[in-house]
PDB file of N, CA and C in Angstrom:
ATOM      1  N   UNK A   1      30.713   7.188 -27.648  1.00  0.00           N
ATOM      2  CA  UNK A   1      29.745   6.520 -26.963  1.00  0.00           C
ATOM      3  C   UNK A   1      29.633   5.321 -26.587  1.00  0.00           C
ATOM      4  N   UNK A   2      30.570   4.547 -25.582  1.00  0.00           N
ATOM      5  CA  UNK A   2      30.223   3.698 -26.014  1.00  0.00           C
ATOM      6  C   UNK A   2      29.100   2.838 -24.953  1.00  0.00           C
ATOM      7  N   UNK A   3      28.217   1.965 -25.554  1.00  0.00           N
ATOM      8  CA  UNK A   3      27.355   1.740 -24.750  1.00  0.00           C
ATOM      9  C   UNK A   3      27.322   0.545 -23.644  1.00  0.00           C
ATOM     10  N   UNK A   4      27.157   0.291 -22.402  1.00  0.00           N
ATOM     11  CA  UNK A   4      26.562  -0.678 -21.616  1.00  0.00           C
ATOM     12  C   UNK A   4      26.942  -1.790 -21.804  1.00  0.00           C
ATOM     13  N   UNK A   5      26.399  -2.377 -22.574  1.00  0.00           N
ATOM     14  CA  UNK A   5      26.766  -4.403 -22.756  1.00  0.00           C
ATOM     15  C   UNK A   5      28.120  -4.181 -22.871  1.00  0.00           C
ATOM     16  N   UNK A   6      28.839  -3.409 -23.190  1.00  0.00           N
ATOM     17  CA  UNK A   6      30.375  -4.423 -23.964  1.00  0.00           C
ATOM     18  C   UNK A   6      30.777  -3.667 -23.363  1.00  0.00           C
ATOM     19  N   UNK A   7      30.650  -2.030 -21.561  1.00  0.00           N
ATOM     20  CA  UNK A   7      31.343  -2.295 -20.428  1.00  0.00           C
ATOM     21  C   UNK A   7      32.354  -3.658 -19.433  1.00  0.00           C
ATOM     22  N   UNK A   8      32.826  -4.037 -19.512  1.00  0.00           N
ATOM     23  CA  UNK A   8      33.810  -4.671 -18.764  1.00  0.00           C
ATOM     24  C   UNK A   8      32.979  -4.492 -17.008  1.00  0.00           C
ATOM     25  N   UNK A   9      31.956  -5.350 -16.284  1.00  0.00           N
ATOM     26  CA  UNK A   9      31.909  -5.013 -15.399  1.00  0.00           C
ATOM     27  C   UNK A   9      32.670  -5.455 -14.233  1.00  0.00           C
ATOM     28  N   UNK A  10      34.342  -6.816 -14.884  1.00  0.00           N
ATOM     29  CA  UNK A  10      35.254  -6.674 -13.176  1.00  0.00           C
ATOM     30  C   UNK A  10      35.807  -5.318 -13.335  1.00  0.00           C
ATOM     31  N   UNK A  11      36.838  -5.150 -14.304  1.00  0.00           N
ATOM     32  CA  UNK A  11      37.177  -3.779 -15.171  1.00  0.00           C
ATOM     33  C   UNK A  11      36.606  -2.417 -14.937  1.00  0.00           C
ATOM     34  N   UNK A  12      35.853  -2.200 -15.791  1.00  0.00           N
ATOM     35  CA  UNK A  12      35.037  -1.354 -16.483  1.00  0.00           C
ATOM     36  C   UNK A  12      35.558  -0.793 -17.864  1.00  0.00           C
ATOM     37  N   UNK A  13      36.973  -1.661 -18.007  1.00  0.00           N
ATOM     38  CA  UNK A  13      37.256  -1.372 -19.935  1.00  0.00           C
ATOM     39  C   UNK A  13      36.153  -1.762 -21.071  1.00  0.00           C
ATOM     40  N   UNK A  14      36.313  -0.740 -21.702  1.00  0.00           N
ATOM     41  CA  UNK A  14      35.055  -0.895 -22.733  1.00  0.00           C
ATOM     42  C   UNK A  14      35.970  -2.758 -23.999  1.00  0.00           C
ATOM     43  N   UNK A  15      34.635  -3.130 -24.131  1.00  0.00           N
ATOM     44  CA  UNK A  15      36.057  -4.182 -25.319  1.00  0.00           C
ATOM     45  C   UNK A  15      34.446  -4.981 -26.298  1.00  0.00           C
ATOM     46  N   UNK A  16      34.658  -5.576 -27.282  1.00  0.00           N
ATOM     47  CA  UNK A  16      33.406  -6.751 -27.976  1.00  0.00           C
ATOM     48  C   UNK A  16      32.301  -6.780 -27.645  1.00  0.00           C
ATOM     49  N   UNK A  17      32.840  -7.779 -26.688  1.00  0.00           N
ATOM     50  CA  UNK A  17      31.848  -8.437 -25.908  1.00  0.00           C
ATOM     51  C   UNK A  17      30.618  -7.898 -25.457  1.00  0.00           C
ATOM     52  N   UNK A  18      29.222  -8.131 -25.402  1.00  0.00           N
ATOM     53  CA  UNK A  18      29.043  -9.290 -25.655  1.00  0.00           C
ATOM     54  C   UNK A  18      28.014  -8.957 -27.293  1.00  0.00           C
ATOM     55  N   UNK A  19      28.612  -7.754 -27.668  1.00  0.00           N
ATOM     56  CA  UNK A  19      28.274  -7.874 -28.885  1.00  0.00           C
ATOM     57  C   UNK A  19      28.587  -9.098 -29.877  1.00  0.00           C
ATOM     58  N   UNK A  20      30.098  -8.698 -30.074  1.00  0.00           N
ATOM     59  CA  UNK A  20      30.169  -9.801 -31.599  1.00  0.00           C
ATOM     60  C   UNK A  20      30.071 -11.340 -31.030  1.00  0.00           C
ATOM     61  N   UNK A  21      29.362 -11.822 -29.632  1.00  0.00           N
ATOM     62  CA  UNK A  21      28.722 -12.912 -30.371  1.00  0.00           C
ATOM     63  C   UNK A  21      27.704 -13.104 -30.283  1.00  0.00           C
ATOM     64  N   UNK A  22      26.742 -11.708 -30.140  1.00  0.00           N
ATOM     65  CA  UNK A  22      25.259 -11.894 -30.198  1.00  0.00           C
ATOM     66  C   UNK A  22      25.256 -10.920 -32.185  1.00  0.00           C
ATOM     67  N   UNK A  23      26.492 -11.325 -32.691  1.00  0.00           N
ATOM     68  CA  UNK A  23      25.954 -11.362 -34.584  1.00  0.00           C
ATOM     69  C   UNK A  23      26.225 -11.984 -34.826  1.00  0.00           C
ATOM     70  N   UNK A  24      26.785 -13.422 -33.975  1.00  0.00           N
ATOM     71  CA  UNK A  24      27.001 -14.107 -35.077  1.00  0.00           C
ATOM     72  C   UNK A  24      25.179 -14.757 -34.791  1.00  0.00           C
ATOM     73  N   UNK A  25      24.267 -14.594 -34.751  1.00  0.00           N
ATOM     74  CA  UNK A  25      23.380 -14.902 -33.715  1.00  0.00           C
ATOM     75  C   UNK A  25      21.715 -14.348 -33.854  1.00  0.00           C
ATOM     76  N   UNK A  26      22.536 -13.045 -33.588  1.00  0.00           N
ATOM     77  CA  UNK A  26      20.877 -12.010 -33.453  1.00  0.00           C
ATOM     78  C   UNK A  26      21.272 -10.951 -33.860  1.00  0.00           C
ATOM     79  N   UNK A  27      22.290 -11.209 -35.270  1.00  0.00           N
ATOM     80  CA  UNK A  27      22.323 -10.057 -36.346  1.00  0.00           C
ATOM     81  C   UNK A  27      21.432  -9.892 -37.350  1.00  0.00           C
ATOM     82  N   UNK A  28      20.858  -8.934 -37.482  1.00  0.00           N
ATOM     83  CA  UNK A  28      20.139  -8.731 -39.277  1.00  0.00           C
ATOM     84  C   UNK A  28      20.828  -9.790 -39.937  1.00  0.00           C
ATOM     85  N   UNK A  29      22.179  -9.899 -39.990  1.00  0.00           N
ATOM     86  CA  UNK A  29      23.166 -10.683 -40.987  1.00  0.00           C
ATOM     87  C   UNK A  29      21.794 -12.583 -41.989  1.00  0.00           C
ATOM     88  N   UNK A  30      22.081 -12.423 -40.109  1.00  0.00           N
ATOM     89  CA  UNK A  30      21.238 -13.740 -39.689  1.00  0.00           C
ATOM     90  C   UNK A  30      20.342 -14.378 -39.789  1.00  0.00           C
ATOM     91  N   UNK A  31      19.403 -12.857 -39.299  1.00  0.00           N
ATOM     92  CA  UNK A  31      17.577 -13.226 -39.178  1.00  0.00           C
ATOM     93  C   UNK A  31      17.631 -12.857 -40.198  1.00  0.00           C
ATOM     94  N   UNK A  32      17.686 -11.948 -41.292  1.00  0.00           N
ATOM     95  CA  UNK A  32      17.264 -11.323 -42.634  1.00  0.00           C
ATOM     96  C   UNK A  32      18.674 -11.291 -43.463  1.00  0.00           C
ATOM     97  N   UNK A  33      18.927 -12.930 -44.399  1.00  0.00           N
ATOM     98  CA  UNK A  33      20.343 -12.649 -45.132  1.00  0.00           C
ATOM     99  C   UNK A  33      19.945 -12.019 -46.232  1.00  0.00           C
ATOM    100  N   UNK A  34      18.520 -12.083 -46.560  1.00  0.00           N
ATOM    101  CA  UNK A  34      19.063 -11.803 -48.756  1.00  0.00           C
ATOM    102  C   UNK A  34      17.670  -9.715 -47.757  1.00  0.00           C
ATOM    103  N   UNK A  35      18.155  -9.476 -46.960  1.00  0.00           N
ATOM    104  CA  UNK A  35      17.991  -7.565 -47.204  1.00  0.00           C
ATOM    105  C   UNK A  35      19.790  -6.749 -46.732  1.00  0.00           C
ATOM    106  N   UNK A  36      19.432  -6.259 -46.248  1.00  0.00           N
ATOM    107  CA  UNK A  36      21.279  -5.078 -46.586  1.00  0.00           C
ATOM    108  C   UNK A  36      21.469  -4.864 -45.443  1.00  0.00           C
ATOM    109  N   UNK A  37      22.677  -5.698 -45.431  1.00  0.00           N
ATOM    110  CA  UNK A  37      23.360  -6.112 -43.945  1.00  0.00           C
ATOM    111  C   UNK A  37      23.909  -4.789 -43.141  1.00  0.00           C
ATOM    112  N   UNK A  38      23.119  -4.742 -42.309  1.00  0.00           N
ATOM    113  CA  UNK A  38      24.518  -2.779 -41.856  1.00  0.00           C
ATOM    114  C   UNK A  38      24.794  -3.692 -39.992  1.00  0.00           C
ATOM    115  N   UNK A  39      24.842  -5.276 -39.668  1.00  0.00           N
ATOM    116  CA  UNK A  39      25.755  -5.513 -38.505  1.00  0.00           C
ATOM    117  C   UNK A  39      25.278  -4.459 -36.831  1.00  0.00           C
ATOM    118  N   UNK A  40      23.735  -4.689 -37.111  1.00  0.00           N
ATOM    119  CA  UNK A  40      22.981  -5.124 -35.946  1.00  0.00           C
ATOM    120  C   UNK A  40      22.639  -6.128 -35.428  1.00  0.00           C
ATOM    121  N   UNK A  41      22.780  -5.992 -34.460  1.00  0.00           N
ATOM    122  CA  UNK A  41      22.046  -7.109 -33.156  1.00  0.00           C
ATOM    123  C   UNK A  41      21.262  -6.399 -32.814  1.00  0.00           C
ATOM    124  N   UNK A  42      19.645  -7.595 -32.719  1.00  0.00           N
ATOM    125  CA  UNK A  42      18.385  -7.084 -32.190  1.00  0.00           C
ATOM    126  C   UNK A  42      17.949  -8.787 -31.151  1.00  0.00           C
ATOM    127  N   UNK A  43      17.928  -8.146 -30.757  1.00  0.00           N
ATOM    128  CA  UNK A  43      16.856  -8.521 -28.332  1.00  0.00           C
ATOM    129  C   UNK A  43      15.663  -8.857 -28.071  1.00  0.00           C
ATOM    130  N   UNK A  44      15.242  -7.451 -28.759  1.00  0.00           N
ATOM    131  CA  UNK A  44      14.066  -7.042 -28.308  1.00  0.00           C
ATOM    132  C   UNK A  44      14.002  -6.257 -27.323  1.00  0.00           C
ATOM    133  N   UNK A  45      15.338  -5.470 -28.046  1.00  0.00           N
ATOM    134  CA  UNK A  45      15.075  -4.131 -26.683  1.00  0.00           C
ATOM    135  C   UNK A  45      14.220  -2.429 -28.035  1.00  0.00           C
ATOM    136  N   UNK A  46      14.018  -2.684 -29.147  1.00  0.00           N
ATOM    137  CA  UNK A  46      12.936  -2.113 -29.337  1.00  0.00           C
ATOM    138  C   UNK A  46      11.420  -2.085 -29.156  1.00  0.00           C
ATOM    139  N   UNK A  47      11.448  -1.278 -27.941  1.00  0.00           N
ATOM    140  CA  UNK A  47       9.993  -1.847 -28.049  1.00  0.00           C
ATOM    141  C   UNK A  47       9.577  -0.499 -27.389  1.00  0.00           C
ATOM    142  N   UNK A  48       8.583  -0.454 -27.378  1.00  0.00           N
ATOM    143  CA  UNK A  48       7.788   0.954 -27.142  1.00  0.00           C
ATOM    144  C   UNK A  48       6.308   1.181 -26.397  1.00  0.00           C
ATOM    145  N   UNK A  49       6.346   1.494 -25.505  1.00  0.00           N
ATOM    146  CA  UNK A  49       4.963   1.418 -24.967  1.00  0.00           C
ATOM    147  C   UNK A  49       4.214   2.758 -24.926  1.00  0.00           C
ATOM    148  N   UNK A  50       2.910   2.578 -25.734  1.00  0.00           N
ATOM    149  CA  UNK A  50       2.429   3.523 -26.191  1.00  0.00           C
ATOM    150  C   UNK A  50       2.238   4.217 -25.415  1.00  0.00           C
ATOM    151  N   UNK A  51       1.991   3.868 -24.185  1.00  0.00           N
ATOM    152  CA  UNK A  51       0.636   4.767 -23.439  1.00  0.00           C
ATOM    153  C   UNK A  51       1.924   5.645 -22.640  1.00  0.00           C
ATOM    154  N   UNK A  52       3.197   5.086 -22.572  1.00  0.00           N
ATOM    155  CA  UNK A  52       4.377   6.276 -22.145  1.00  0.00           C
ATOM    156  C   UNK A  52       4.257   7.307 -22.797  1.00  0.00           C
ATOM    157  N   UNK A  53       4.147   7.106 -24.348  1.00  0.00           N
ATOM    158  CA  UNK A  53       4.394   9.246 -24.956  1.00  0.00           C
ATOM    159  C   UNK A  53       3.709  10.348 -25.122  1.00  0.00           C
ATOM    160  N   UNK A  54       2.591   9.079 -24.320  1.00  0.00           N
ATOM    161  CA  UNK A  54       1.141  10.409 -23.868  1.00  0.00           C
ATOM    162  C   UNK A  54       1.646  11.199 -22.981  1.00  0.00           C
ATOM    163  N   UNK A  55       1.707  12.578 -22.002  1.00  0.00           N
ATOM    164  CA  UNK A  55       1.682  13.569 -21.422  1.00  0.00           C
ATOM    165  C   UNK A  55       0.885  12.670 -20.345  1.00  0.00           C
ATOM    166  N   UNK A  56      -0.587  12.111 -20.724  1.00  0.00           N
ATOM    167  CA  UNK A  56      -1.489  11.264 -18.739  1.00  0.00           C
ATOM    168  C   UNK A  56      -0.661  10.105 -18.561  1.00  0.00           C
ATOM    169  N   UNK A  57       0.414   8.971 -19.481  1.00  0.00           N
ATOM    170  CA  UNK A  57       1.316   8.198 -19.335  1.00  0.00           C
ATOM    171  C   UNK A  57       2.512   8.582 -18.868  1.00  0.00           C
ATOM    172  N   UNK A  58       2.630   9.430 -18.080  1.00  0.00           N
ATOM    173  CA  UNK A  58       4.534  10.194 -18.474  1.00  0.00           C
ATOM    174  C   UNK A  58       4.366   9.031 -17.490  1.00  0.00           C
ATOM    175  N   UNK A  59       5.490   8.439 -16.983  1.00  0.00           N
ATOM    176  CA  UNK A  59       6.783   7.478 -15.978  1.00  0.00           C
ATOM    177  C   UNK A  59       5.827   5.697 -16.000  1.00  0.00           C
ATOM    178  N   UNK A  60       5.932   5.709 -16.592  1.00  0.00           N
ATOM    179  CA  UNK A  60       4.558   4.139 -17.030  1.00  0.00           C
ATOM    180  C   UNK A  60       6.137   3.114 -17.409  1.00  0.00           C
ATOM    181  N   UNK A  61       6.232   2.375 -17.348  1.00  0.00           N
ATOM    182  CA  UNK A  61       7.143   1.218 -17.267  1.00  0.00           C
ATOM    183  C   UNK A  61       6.556  -0.046 -18.172  1.00  0.00           C
ATOM    184  N   UNK A  62       7.607  -0.821 -18.093  1.00  0.00           N
ATOM    185  CA  UNK A  62       7.370  -2.363 -18.189  1.00  0.00           C
ATOM    186  C   UNK A  62       8.026  -2.492 -17.689  1.00  0.00           C
ATOM    187  N   UNK A  63       7.381  -3.959 -16.917  1.00  0.00           N
ATOM    188  CA  UNK A  63       7.983  -4.824 -15.659  1.00  0.00           C
ATOM    189  C   UNK A  63       8.109  -5.730 -16.205  1.00  0.00           C
ATOM    190  N   UNK A  64       9.122  -6.857 -15.320  1.00  0.00           N
ATOM    191  CA  UNK A  64       8.629  -8.577 -15.279  1.00  0.00           C
ATOM    192  C   UNK A  64       6.734  -8.630 -14.855  1.00  0.00           C
ATOM    193  N   UNK A  65       6.648  -9.241 -16.221  1.00  0.00           N
ATOM    194  CA  UNK A  65       5.238 -10.315 -15.286  1.00  0.00           C
ATOM    195  C   UNK A  65       4.547  -9.517 -16.114  1.00  0.00           C
ATOM    196  N   UNK A  66       4.726  -8.344 -16.621  1.00  0.00           N
ATOM    197  CA  UNK A  66       3.832  -7.132 -16.919  1.00  0.00           C
ATOM    198  C   UNK A  66       2.942  -8.392 -18.002  1.00  0.00           C
ATOM    199  N   UNK A  67       1.928  -7.379 -19.157  1.00  0.00           N
ATOM    200  CA  UNK A  67       1.306  -8.312 -20.070  1.00  0.00           C
ATOM    201  C   UNK A  67       1.977  -7.762 -21.447  1.00  0.00           C
ATOM    202  N   UNK A  68       2.299  -8.259 -22.593  1.00  0.00           N
ATOM    203  CA  UNK A  68       2.533  -7.698 -23.247  1.00  0.00           C
ATOM    204  C   UNK A  68       2.147  -7.576 -25.187  1.00  0.00           C
ATOM    205  N   UNK A  69       1.186  -7.086 -25.595  1.00  0.00           N
ATOM    206  CA  UNK A  69       0.794  -6.913 -26.446  1.00  0.00           C
ATOM    207  C   UNK A  69       1.370  -6.676 -28.150  1.00  0.00           C
ATOM    208  N   UNK A  70       2.011  -7.210 -29.035  1.00  0.00           N
ATOM    209  CA  UNK A  70       1.997  -6.980 -30.043  1.00  0.00           C
ATOM    210  C   UNK A  70       1.043  -6.168 -31.125  1.00  0.00           C
ATOM    211  N   UNK A  71       1.005  -4.149 -31.164  1.00  0.00           N
ATOM    212  CA  UNK A  71       0.101  -4.126 -31.937  1.00  0.00           C
ATOM    213  C   UNK A  71       0.282  -3.613 -33.129  1.00  0.00           C
ATOM    214  N   UNK A  72       1.990  -2.976 -33.603  1.00  0.00           N
ATOM    215  CA  UNK A  72       2.339  -3.554 -35.301  1.00  0.00           C
ATOM    216  C   UNK A  72       4.261  -3.802 -34.482  1.00  0.00           C
ATOM    217  N   UNK A  73       4.239  -3.963 -35.688  1.00  0.00           N
ATOM    218  CA  UNK A  73       6.059  -4.756 -35.912  1.00  0.00           C
ATOM    219  C   UNK A  73       6.706  -4.247 -37.077  1.00  0.00           C
ATOM    220  N   UNK A  74       8.054  -3.885 -37.586  1.00  0.00           N
ATOM    221  CA  UNK A  74       8.480  -3.597 -38.521  1.00  0.00           C
ATOM    222  C   UNK A  74       9.643  -4.463 -38.754  1.00  0.00           C
ATOM    223  N   UNK A  75      10.083  -4.737 -40.119  1.00  0.00           N
ATOM    224  CA  UNK A  75      11.263  -5.143 -40.141  1.00  0.00           C
ATOM    225  C   UNK A  75      12.078  -5.317 -39.523  1.00  0.00           C
ATOM    226  N   UNK A  76      12.623  -3.529 -39.926  1.00  0.00           N
ATOM    227  CA  UNK A  76      13.950  -3.151 -39.258  1.00  0.00           C
ATOM    228  C   UNK A  76      13.326  -2.004 -38.633  1.00  0.00           C
ATOM    229  N   UNK A  77      13.775  -1.355 -37.214  1.00  0.00           N
ATOM    230  CA  UNK A  77      14.450   0.022 -36.565  1.00  0.00           C
ATOM    231  C   UNK A  77      14.383   1.622 -38.160  1.00  0.00           C
ATOM    232  N   UNK A  78      14.525   0.833 -39.186  1.00  0.00           N
ATOM    233  CA  UNK A  78      14.650   1.677 -39.556  1.00  0.00           C
ATOM    234  C   UNK A  78      13.166   2.145 -40.846  1.00  0.00           C
ATOM    235  N   UNK A  79      12.664   1.136 -41.283  1.00  0.00           N
ATOM    236  CA  UNK A  79      11.343   1.185 -41.293  1.00  0.00           C
ATOM    237  C   UNK A  79       9.915   1.591 -40.545  1.00  0.00           C
ATOM    238  N   UNK A  80       9.661   1.545 -39.543  1.00  0.00           N
ATOM    239  CA  UNK A  80       9.329   2.028 -37.972  1.00  0.00           C
ATOM    240  C   UNK A  80       9.127   3.790 -38.663  1.00  0.00           C
ATOM    241  N   UNK A  81       8.718   4.238 -37.417  1.00  0.00           N
ATOM    242  CA  UNK A  81       7.984   6.154 -37.953  1.00  0.00           C
ATOM    243  C   UNK A  81       8.425   6.595 -36.698  1.00  0.00           C
ATOM    244  N   UNK A  82       9.218   7.833 -37.359  1.00  0.00           N
ATOM    245  CA  UNK A  82      10.353   8.268 -36.184  1.00  0.00           C
ATOM    246  C   UNK A  82       8.969   8.742 -35.018  1.00  0.00           C
TER     247      UNK A  82
END
Protein backbone atom coordinates (compact mmCIF):
# COMPACT_ATOMS: atom_id res chain seq x y z
CA UNK A 1 0.00 0.00 0.00
CA UNK A 2 1.31 3.45 -0.92
CA UNK A 3 0.26 6.30 1.39
CA UNK A 4 -1.78 9.04 -0.33
CA UNK A 5 0.69 11.87 0.49
CA UNK A 6 3.33 10.20 -1.70
CA UNK A 7 1.08 10.10 -4.78
CA UNK A 8 1.88 12.84 -7.29
CA UNK A 9 -1.46 14.63 -7.71
CA UNK A 10 -0.65 15.69 -11.29
CA UNK A 11 0.17 12.27 -12.75
CA UNK A 12 -0.89 9.67 -10.11
CA UNK A 13 2.61 8.19 -9.89
CA UNK A 14 3.89 7.26 -6.40
CA UNK A 15 7.10 8.93 -5.28
CA UNK A 16 9.17 9.60 -2.19
CA UNK A 17 7.93 13.15 -1.55
CA UNK A 18 6.82 14.68 0.75
CA UNK A 19 8.12 11.93 3.05
CA UNK A 20 11.80 12.49 2.21
CA UNK A 21 11.53 16.22 2.96
CA UNK A 22 9.54 15.64 6.17
CA UNK A 23 12.21 13.19 7.37
CA UNK A 24 14.69 16.10 7.45
CA UNK A 25 12.77 18.02 10.12
CA UNK A 26 9.81 15.94 11.44
CA UNK A 27 11.35 12.49 11.89
CA UNK A 28 11.95 10.56 15.08
CA UNK A 29 15.69 10.90 14.37
CA UNK A 30 15.41 14.72 14.45
CA UNK A 31 12.76 15.04 17.18
CA UNK A 32 14.15 12.34 19.50
CA UNK A 33 17.83 11.86 18.57
CA UNK A 34 18.70 9.85 21.69
CA UNK A 35 16.04 7.18 20.99
CA UNK A 36 15.82 4.34 18.48
CA UNK A 37 15.39 5.63 14.94
CA UNK A 38 12.51 4.01 13.02
CA UNK A 39 12.55 6.59 10.17
CA UNK A 40 9.00 7.65 11.00
CA UNK A 41 7.56 11.05 10.16
CA UNK A 42 5.55 12.88 12.82
CA UNK A 43 3.28 15.80 12.03
CA UNK A 44 0.23 15.47 14.25
CA UNK A 45 -1.59 12.60 12.61
CA UNK A 46 -1.58 10.42 15.73
CA UNK A 47 -4.71 11.80 17.38
CA UNK A 48 -7.74 9.98 18.77
CA UNK A 49 -11.03 11.67 19.57
CA UNK A 50 -12.04 9.92 22.81
CA UNK A 51 -15.78 10.44 22.20
CA UNK A 52 -15.56 8.77 18.78
CA UNK A 53 -14.52 5.48 20.44
CA UNK A 54 -17.87 4.92 22.18
CA UNK A 55 -21.05 3.74 20.45
CA UNK A 56 -22.76 6.94 21.61
CA UNK A 57 -20.12 9.08 19.93
CA UNK A 58 -20.06 7.18 16.63
CA UNK A 59 -19.54 9.48 13.70
CA UNK A 60 -17.99 12.35 15.66
CA UNK A 61 -15.18 14.09 13.85
CA UNK A 62 -12.72 16.88 14.55
CA UNK A 63 -12.84 19.78 12.12
CA UNK A 64 -11.04 23.08 11.63
CA UNK A 65 -11.94 25.50 14.41
CA UNK A 66 -12.86 22.84 16.99
CA UNK A 67 -11.09 23.21 20.34
CA UNK A 68 -8.69 20.32 21.02
CA UNK A 69 -7.42 19.46 24.50
CA UNK A 70 -4.53 17.06 25.05
CA UNK A 71 -5.52 14.68 27.86
CA UNK A 72 -2.62 12.22 27.47
CA UNK A 73 0.48 12.22 25.32
CA UNK A 74 3.03 9.53 24.56
CA UNK A 75 6.60 9.86 23.28
CA UNK A 76 5.80 7.57 20.35
CA UNK A 77 2.94 5.54 18.91
CA UNK A 78 4.82 2.41 20.05
CA UNK A 79 4.34 3.46 23.68
CA UNK A 80 0.62 4.30 23.40
CA UNK A 81 -1.92 1.69 24.54
CA UNK A 82 -3.61 -0.25 21.74
